Amino acid sequence: QAIQAINGHSDMSPEEFTNMVFQKIDANRDGELTLEEFITGVEKDEYLLELITKSFDLSNVLKVIQSG
């Protein structure tokens, strides 16, 4: 729910989002993400880069807070 509130991405459950991230950037498929895998993966994936960038834009959080 926090992920959805931060990035406004409500059509995917947190579990689905996490699975999608791992499928895209867990380079060695060990079920764990190193910092290096995360950074490299996000830099190479335009969709994830945009999503992460939006996560740092707190305007969506303010909208959620204002709407109750």
Protein backbone atom coordinates (compact mmCIF):
# COMPACT_ATOMS: atom_id res chain seq x y z
CA GLN A 1 0.00 0.00 0.00
CA ALA A 2 2.87 2.35 0.75
CA ILE A 3 4.40 1.69 -2.67
CA GLN A 4 1.05 2.39 -4.30
CA ALA A 5 0.55 5.61 -2.32
CA ILE A 6 4.01 6.87 -3.14
CA ASN A 7 4.01 6.20 -6.86
CA GLY A 8 0.28 6.29 -7.60
CA HIS A 9 0.57 2.82 -9.13
CA SER A 10 -2.65 1.17 -7.97
CA ASP A 11 -3.31 -1.37 -10.73
CA MET A 12 -0.69 -3.74 -9.31
CA SER A 13 -0.55 -5.26 -5.82
CA PRO A 14 2.65 -4.78 -3.79
CA GLU A 15 3.41 -8.48 -4.32
CA GLU A 16 2.95 -8.17 -8.09
CA PHE A 17 5.15 -5.07 -8.12
CA THR A 18 7.89 -6.84 -6.15
CA ASN A 19 7.75 -9.90 -8.42
CA MET A 20 7.96 -7.68 -11.50
CA VAL A 21 11.02 -5.87 -10.11
CA PHE A 22 12.79 -9.14 -9.33
CA GLN A 23 11.96 -10.61 -12.75
CA LYS A 24 13.42 -7.56 -14.45
CA ILE A 25 16.56 -6.92 -12.43
CA ASP A 26 17.61 -10.01 -10.41
CA ALA A 27 20.48 -10.69 -12.83
CA ASN A 28 21.71 -13.94 -11.29
CA ARG A 29 18.18 -15.19 -10.42
CA ASP A 30 19.07 -15.99 -6.83
CA GLY A 31 15.96 -14.32 -5.37
CA GLU A 32 17.99 -11.53 -3.80
CA LEU A 33 18.92 -8.09 -5.06
CA THR A 34 22.32 -6.65 -4.37
CA LEU A 35 22.68 -2.89 -4.48
CA GLU A 36 24.68 -3.30 -7.68
CA GLU A 37 21.94 -5.42 -9.32
CA PHE A 38 19.32 -2.89 -8.27
CA ILE A 39 21.19 0.14 -9.57
CA THR A 40 22.22 -1.54 -12.83
CA GLY A 41 18.75 -2.98 -13.39
CA VAL A 42 16.93 0.29 -12.77
CA GLU A 43 19.35 2.21 -14.99
CA LYS A 44 18.72 -0.23 -17.85
CA ASP A 45 14.93 -0.40 -17.48
CA GLU A 46 13.20 2.81 -18.56
CA TYR A 47 9.88 1.82 -16.92
CA LEU A 48 11.47 1.12 -13.52
CA LEU A 49 13.61 4.23 -13.72
CA GLU A 50 10.50 6.33 -14.30
CA LEU A 51 8.66 4.55 -11.48
CA ILE A 52 11.53 5.09 -9.04
CA THR A 53 11.84 8.72 -10.09
CA LYS A 54 8.13 9.24 -9.43
CA SER A 55 8.59 7.64 -6.02
CA PHE A 56 10.82 10.53 -5.02
CA ASP A 57 8.14 13.00 -6.12
CA LEU A 58 6.07 13.34 -2.98
CA SER A 59 3.19 15.17 -4.65
CA ASN A 60 1.24 11.89 -4.84
CA VAL A 61 1.72 11.38 -1.10
CA LEU A 62 0.38 14.86 -0.45
CA LYS A 63 -2.66 14.12 -2.63
CA VAL A 64 -3.37 10.94 -0.64
CA ILE A 65 -3.02 12.80 2.65
CA GLN A 66 -5.27 15.63 1.50
CA SER A 67 -7.96 13.27 0.24
CA GLY A 68 -8.01 11.42 3.55
